[in-house]
Amino acid sequence: MNNEKCCEKKTKRSDAEKKLIINRLNRIEGQVKGIKKMIVEDRYCNDVLIQISAVEKSIKSLANHILENHLYNCVTDNLEKGNTEIIEEIISLFKKSN
C-alpha cells in the first residue's frame, strides 16, 4: 500500500471518543511539562526516570485504546466490505510498532 493512499484515509470518531483521547493527550502533555520542570529544577535522576516511565505507560495505554478501536471499527468495516488489503495494513502496523 502506498503512503499517499494511506494519508487520504480518515477515521470518523464520535465527539465522546475525541474528548476522551484529547483529555488523555492533555494529561500526557502535562506529564511531559512536569518532566521539563524537573530537569530545570535539577531533580534527582531516579525521580525523572520514574516520571518518564509514567509517560511511556500513558502513551502505550492510549496507543492500545486507539488500536482496539481501529480493530473493532475500521478493520471490521473494511473486512465486511471485502477489503482484505486492511490485513496487510495491520501487519505493517505491527511491524513498525516493534
N, C-alpha and C. Protein backbone atom coordinates (compact mmCIF):
# COMPACT_ATOMS: atom_id res chain seq x y z
N MET A 1 0.86 -1.18 0.00
CA MET A 1 0.00 0.00 0.00
C MET A 1 0.90 1.23 0.00
N ASN A 2 0.63 2.19 -0.86
CA ASN A 2 1.49 3.37 -0.88
C ASN A 2 1.03 4.38 0.16
N ASN A 3 1.97 5.22 0.58
CA ASN A 3 1.69 6.16 1.66
C ASN A 3 0.67 7.23 1.28
N GLU A 4 0.63 7.60 -0.01
CA GLU A 4 -0.34 8.62 -0.43
C GLU A 4 -1.76 8.14 -0.18
N LYS A 5 -2.03 6.89 -0.54
CA LYS A 5 -3.36 6.34 -0.33
C LYS A 5 -3.69 6.28 1.16
N CYS A 6 -2.70 5.90 1.95
CA CYS A 6 -2.89 5.79 3.40
C CYS A 6 -3.24 7.14 4.01
N CYS A 7 -2.58 8.18 3.58
CA CYS A 7 -2.79 9.51 4.16
C CYS A 7 -4.14 10.10 3.78
N GLU A 8 -4.79 9.56 2.77
CA GLU A 8 -6.10 10.04 2.37
C GLU A 8 -7.21 9.47 3.24
N LYS A 9 -6.91 8.41 3.96
CA LYS A 9 -7.91 7.77 4.80
C LYS A 9 -8.21 8.63 6.02
N LYS A 10 -9.41 8.49 6.50
CA LYS A 10 -9.84 9.22 7.70
C LYS A 10 -10.58 8.25 8.62
N THR A 11 -10.55 8.55 9.90
CA THR A 11 -11.31 7.78 10.87
C THR A 11 -12.34 8.70 11.50
N LYS A 12 -13.58 8.35 11.37
CA LYS A 12 -14.66 9.12 11.99
C LYS A 12 -14.79 8.69 13.44
N ARG A 13 -14.58 9.64 14.33
CA ARG A 13 -14.69 9.37 15.77
C ARG A 13 -15.85 10.19 16.34
N SER A 14 -16.51 9.62 17.31
CA SER A 14 -17.60 10.35 17.96
C SER A 14 -17.01 11.49 18.78
N ASP A 15 -17.84 12.44 19.12
CA ASP A 15 -17.39 13.55 19.96
C ASP A 15 -16.89 13.04 21.31
N ALA A 16 -17.56 12.03 21.85
CA ALA A 16 -17.15 11.47 23.14
C ALA A 16 -15.76 10.83 23.03
N GLU A 17 -15.53 10.11 21.93
CA GLU A 17 -14.23 9.47 21.72
C GLU A 17 -13.12 10.51 21.55
N LYS A 18 -13.41 11.55 20.78
CA LYS A 18 -12.43 12.63 20.60
C LYS A 18 -12.11 13.28 21.95
N LYS A 19 -13.14 13.52 22.74
CA LYS A 19 -12.94 14.15 24.05
C LYS A 19 -12.05 13.27 24.93
N LEU A 20 -12.32 11.97 24.95
CA LEU A 20 -11.53 11.03 25.74
C LEU A 20 -10.06 11.06 25.32
N ILE A 21 -9.83 11.00 24.02
CA ILE A 21 -8.45 10.98 23.50
C ILE A 21 -7.76 12.31 23.79
N ILE A 22 -8.43 13.41 23.56
CA ILE A 22 -7.84 14.73 23.82
C ILE A 22 -7.52 14.89 25.30
N ASN A 23 -8.41 14.44 26.18
CA ASN A 23 -8.15 14.52 27.62
C ASN A 23 -6.90 13.73 27.99
N ARG A 24 -6.76 12.55 27.41
CA ARG A 24 -5.59 11.73 27.71
C ARG A 24 -4.32 12.38 27.16
N LEU A 25 -4.41 12.96 25.97
CA LEU A 25 -3.25 13.67 25.40
C LEU A 25 -2.89 14.88 26.25
N ASN A 26 -3.88 15.59 26.74
CA ASN A 26 -3.61 16.74 27.61
C ASN A 26 -2.90 16.30 28.89
N ARG A 27 -3.33 15.16 29.43
CA ARG A 27 -2.69 14.62 30.63
C ARG A 27 -1.23 14.26 30.34
N ILE A 28 -0.99 13.63 29.19
CA ILE A 28 0.37 13.26 28.79
C ILE A 28 1.21 14.52 28.60
N GLU A 29 0.63 15.53 27.96
CA GLU A 29 1.34 16.80 27.77
C GLU A 29 1.73 17.40 29.12
N GLY A 30 0.82 17.34 30.07
CA GLY A 30 1.12 17.85 31.42
C GLY A 30 2.24 17.06 32.08
N GLN A 31 2.25 15.75 31.88
CA GLN A 31 3.32 14.93 32.43
C GLN A 31 4.67 15.34 31.83
N VAL A 32 4.70 15.55 30.52
CA VAL A 32 5.95 15.94 29.85
C VAL A 32 6.41 17.30 30.35
N LYS A 33 5.49 18.23 30.50
CA LYS A 33 5.86 19.55 31.05
C LYS A 33 6.42 19.41 32.46
N GLY A 34 5.85 18.49 33.23
CA GLY A 34 6.35 18.23 34.57
C GLY A 34 7.78 17.71 34.55
N ILE A 35 8.08 16.88 33.59
CA ILE A 35 9.45 16.36 33.45
C ILE A 35 10.41 17.50 33.09
N LYS A 36 9.99 18.37 32.18
CA LYS A 36 10.84 19.52 31.83
C LYS A 36 11.13 20.36 33.06
N LYS A 37 10.10 20.58 33.87
CA LYS A 37 10.27 21.37 35.09
C LYS A 37 11.24 20.66 36.05
N MET A 38 11.15 19.35 36.14
CA MET A 38 12.05 18.60 36.99
C MET A 38 13.51 18.78 36.55
N ILE A 39 13.72 18.80 35.25
CA ILE A 39 15.08 19.00 34.72
C ILE A 39 15.59 20.39 35.09
N VAL A 40 14.74 21.40 34.88
CA VAL A 40 15.11 22.78 35.21
C VAL A 40 15.46 22.89 36.69
N GLU A 41 14.72 22.17 37.51
CA GLU A 41 14.92 22.22 38.97
C GLU A 41 16.01 21.28 39.46
N ASP A 42 16.72 20.63 38.52
CA ASP A 42 17.81 19.70 38.87
C ASP A 42 17.34 18.57 39.78
N ARG A 43 16.15 18.08 39.52
CA ARG A 43 15.64 16.96 40.33
C ARG A 43 16.47 15.71 40.11
N TYR A 44 16.44 14.83 41.07
CA TYR A 44 17.22 13.60 41.09
C TYR A 44 16.84 12.72 39.88
N CYS A 45 17.87 12.14 39.23
CA CYS A 45 17.67 11.33 38.03
C CYS A 45 16.62 10.24 38.22
N ASN A 46 16.67 9.57 39.35
CA ASN A 46 15.72 8.49 39.61
C ASN A 46 14.28 8.99 39.55
N ASP A 47 14.02 10.16 40.12
CA ASP A 47 12.68 10.73 40.10
C ASP A 47 12.24 11.07 38.67
N VAL A 48 13.17 11.62 37.88
CA VAL A 48 12.87 11.96 36.49
C VAL A 48 12.56 10.69 35.70
N LEU A 49 13.37 9.67 35.90
CA LEU A 49 13.16 8.41 35.17
C LEU A 49 11.83 7.76 35.51
N ILE A 50 11.42 7.88 36.75
CA ILE A 50 10.11 7.35 37.15
C ILE A 50 9.00 8.08 36.41
N GLN A 51 9.13 9.39 36.28
CA GLN A 51 8.12 10.16 35.57
C GLN A 51 8.14 9.85 34.07
N ILE A 52 9.32 9.65 33.51
CA ILE A 52 9.41 9.27 32.10
C ILE A 52 8.72 7.93 31.88
N SER A 53 8.93 7.00 32.79
CA SER A 53 8.26 5.70 32.71
C SER A 53 6.75 5.85 32.75
N ALA A 54 6.26 6.76 33.57
CA ALA A 54 4.83 7.00 33.66
C ALA A 54 4.28 7.54 32.34
N VAL A 55 5.05 8.43 31.69
CA VAL A 55 4.63 8.97 30.39
C VAL A 55 4.60 7.85 29.35
N GLU A 56 5.62 7.01 29.35
CA GLU A 56 5.66 5.89 28.40
C GLU A 56 4.44 4.99 28.58
N LYS A 57 4.07 4.71 29.82
CA LYS A 57 2.91 3.87 30.09
C LYS A 57 1.62 4.55 29.63
N SER A 58 1.55 5.86 29.83
CA SER A 58 0.36 6.61 29.39
C SER A 58 0.22 6.58 27.88
N ILE A 59 1.32 6.77 27.19
CA ILE A 59 1.30 6.74 25.72
C ILE A 59 0.94 5.35 25.22
N LYS A 60 1.53 4.33 25.82
CA LYS A 60 1.24 2.94 25.41
C LYS A 60 -0.23 2.62 25.65
N SER A 61 -0.77 3.07 26.77
CA SER A 61 -2.18 2.84 27.07
C SER A 61 -3.08 3.52 26.03
N LEU A 62 -2.74 4.74 25.66
CA LEU A 62 -3.51 5.45 24.64
C LEU A 62 -3.40 4.75 23.29
N ALA A 63 -2.20 4.33 22.94
CA ALA A 63 -1.99 3.60 21.68
C ALA A 63 -2.83 2.33 21.65
N ASN A 64 -2.86 1.60 22.76
CA ASN A 64 -3.67 0.38 22.83
C ASN A 64 -5.15 0.68 22.67
N HIS A 65 -5.59 1.77 23.26
CA HIS A 65 -7.00 2.18 23.14
C HIS A 65 -7.34 2.47 21.68
N ILE A 66 -6.48 3.24 21.01
CA ILE A 66 -6.73 3.58 19.60
C ILE A 66 -6.66 2.34 18.73
N LEU A 67 -5.70 1.45 19.00
CA LEU A 67 -5.59 0.21 18.23
C LEU A 67 -6.84 -0.64 18.40
N GLU A 68 -7.32 -0.77 19.62
CA GLU A 68 -8.52 -1.56 19.87
C GLU A 68 -9.71 -1.01 19.09
N ASN A 69 -9.87 0.31 19.12
CA ASN A 69 -10.97 0.92 18.35
C ASN A 69 -10.77 0.71 16.85
N HIS A 70 -9.53 0.79 16.40
CA HIS A 70 -9.23 0.58 14.99
C HIS A 70 -9.63 -0.83 14.57
N LEU A 71 -9.27 -1.80 15.38
CA LEU A 71 -9.59 -3.19 15.04
C LEU A 71 -11.10 -3.43 15.04
N TYR A 72 -11.78 -2.93 16.06
CA TYR A 72 -13.23 -3.16 16.15
C TYR A 72 -14.03 -2.36 15.13
N ASN A 73 -13.51 -1.22 14.71
CA ASN A 73 -14.28 -0.37 13.80
C ASN A 73 -13.73 -0.38 12.38
N CYS A 74 -12.58 0.24 12.18
CA CYS A 74 -12.03 0.40 10.83
C CYS A 74 -11.75 -0.94 10.15
N VAL A 75 -11.07 -1.82 10.86
CA VAL A 75 -10.70 -3.11 10.25
C VAL A 75 -11.95 -3.94 9.99
N THR A 76 -12.83 -4.02 10.97
CA THR A 76 -14.06 -4.79 10.79
C THR A 76 -14.88 -4.26 9.62
N ASP A 77 -15.03 -2.95 9.53
CA ASP A 77 -15.79 -2.35 8.42
C ASP A 77 -15.17 -2.70 7.08
N ASN A 78 -13.84 -2.59 6.99
CA ASN A 78 -13.15 -2.91 5.73
C ASN A 78 -13.33 -4.37 5.35
N LEU A 79 -13.20 -5.26 6.32
CA LEU A 79 -13.37 -6.69 6.02
C LEU A 79 -14.79 -7.00 5.59
N GLU A 80 -15.78 -6.37 6.24
CA GLU A 80 -17.17 -6.58 5.85
C GLU A 80 -17.44 -6.11 4.43
N LYS A 81 -16.68 -5.10 3.98
CA LYS A 81 -16.83 -4.58 2.62
C LYS A 81 -15.97 -5.35 1.62
N GLY A 82 -15.27 -6.38 2.10
CA GLY A 82 -14.45 -7.20 1.21
C GLY A 82 -13.05 -6.68 0.96
N ASN A 83 -12.66 -5.63 1.68
CA ASN A 83 -11.33 -5.06 1.50
C ASN A 83 -10.33 -5.81 2.39
N THR A 84 -9.68 -6.81 1.80
CA THR A 84 -8.72 -7.59 2.57
C THR A 84 -7.34 -6.93 2.62
N GLU A 85 -7.14 -5.83 1.89
CA GLU A 85 -5.88 -5.08 1.98
C GLU A 85 -5.63 -4.57 3.40
N ILE A 86 -6.71 -4.43 4.14
CA ILE A 86 -6.60 -3.95 5.52
C ILE A 86 -5.74 -4.88 6.37
N ILE A 87 -5.71 -6.17 6.01
CA ILE A 87 -4.88 -7.12 6.74
C ILE A 87 -3.40 -6.78 6.57
N GLU A 88 -3.00 -6.45 5.35
CA GLU A 88 -1.62 -6.05 5.09
C GLU A 88 -1.28 -4.77 5.86
N GLU A 89 -2.25 -3.87 5.94
CA GLU A 89 -2.06 -2.63 6.68
C GLU A 89 -1.79 -2.92 8.16
N ILE A 90 -2.55 -3.83 8.73
CA ILE A 90 -2.37 -4.20 10.14
C ILE A 90 -1.02 -4.88 10.35
N ILE A 91 -0.65 -5.78 9.45
CA ILE A 91 0.64 -6.46 9.56
C ILE A 91 1.76 -5.43 9.53
N SER A 92 1.68 -4.49 8.61
CA SER A 92 2.68 -3.42 8.50
C SER A 92 2.71 -2.58 9.78
N LEU A 93 1.56 -2.28 10.32
CA LEU A 93 1.47 -1.50 11.56
C LEU A 93 2.20 -2.21 12.70
N PHE A 94 1.95 -3.51 12.84
CA PHE A 94 2.61 -4.27 13.92
C PHE A 94 4.12 -4.33 13.72
N LYS A 95 4.56 -4.47 12.46
CA LYS A 95 5.99 -4.50 12.19
C LYS A 95 6.65 -3.17 12.56
N LYS A 96 5.97 -2.08 12.28
CA LYS A 96 6.52 -0.74 12.59
C LYS A 96 6.54 -0.47 14.09
N SER A 97 5.59 -1.04 14.82
CA SER A 97 5.47 -0.73 16.24
C SER A 97 6.41 -1.57 17.10
N ASN A 98 7.09 -2.53 16.51
CA ASN A 98 8.02 -3.37 17.29
C ASN A 98 9.45 -2.94 17.09
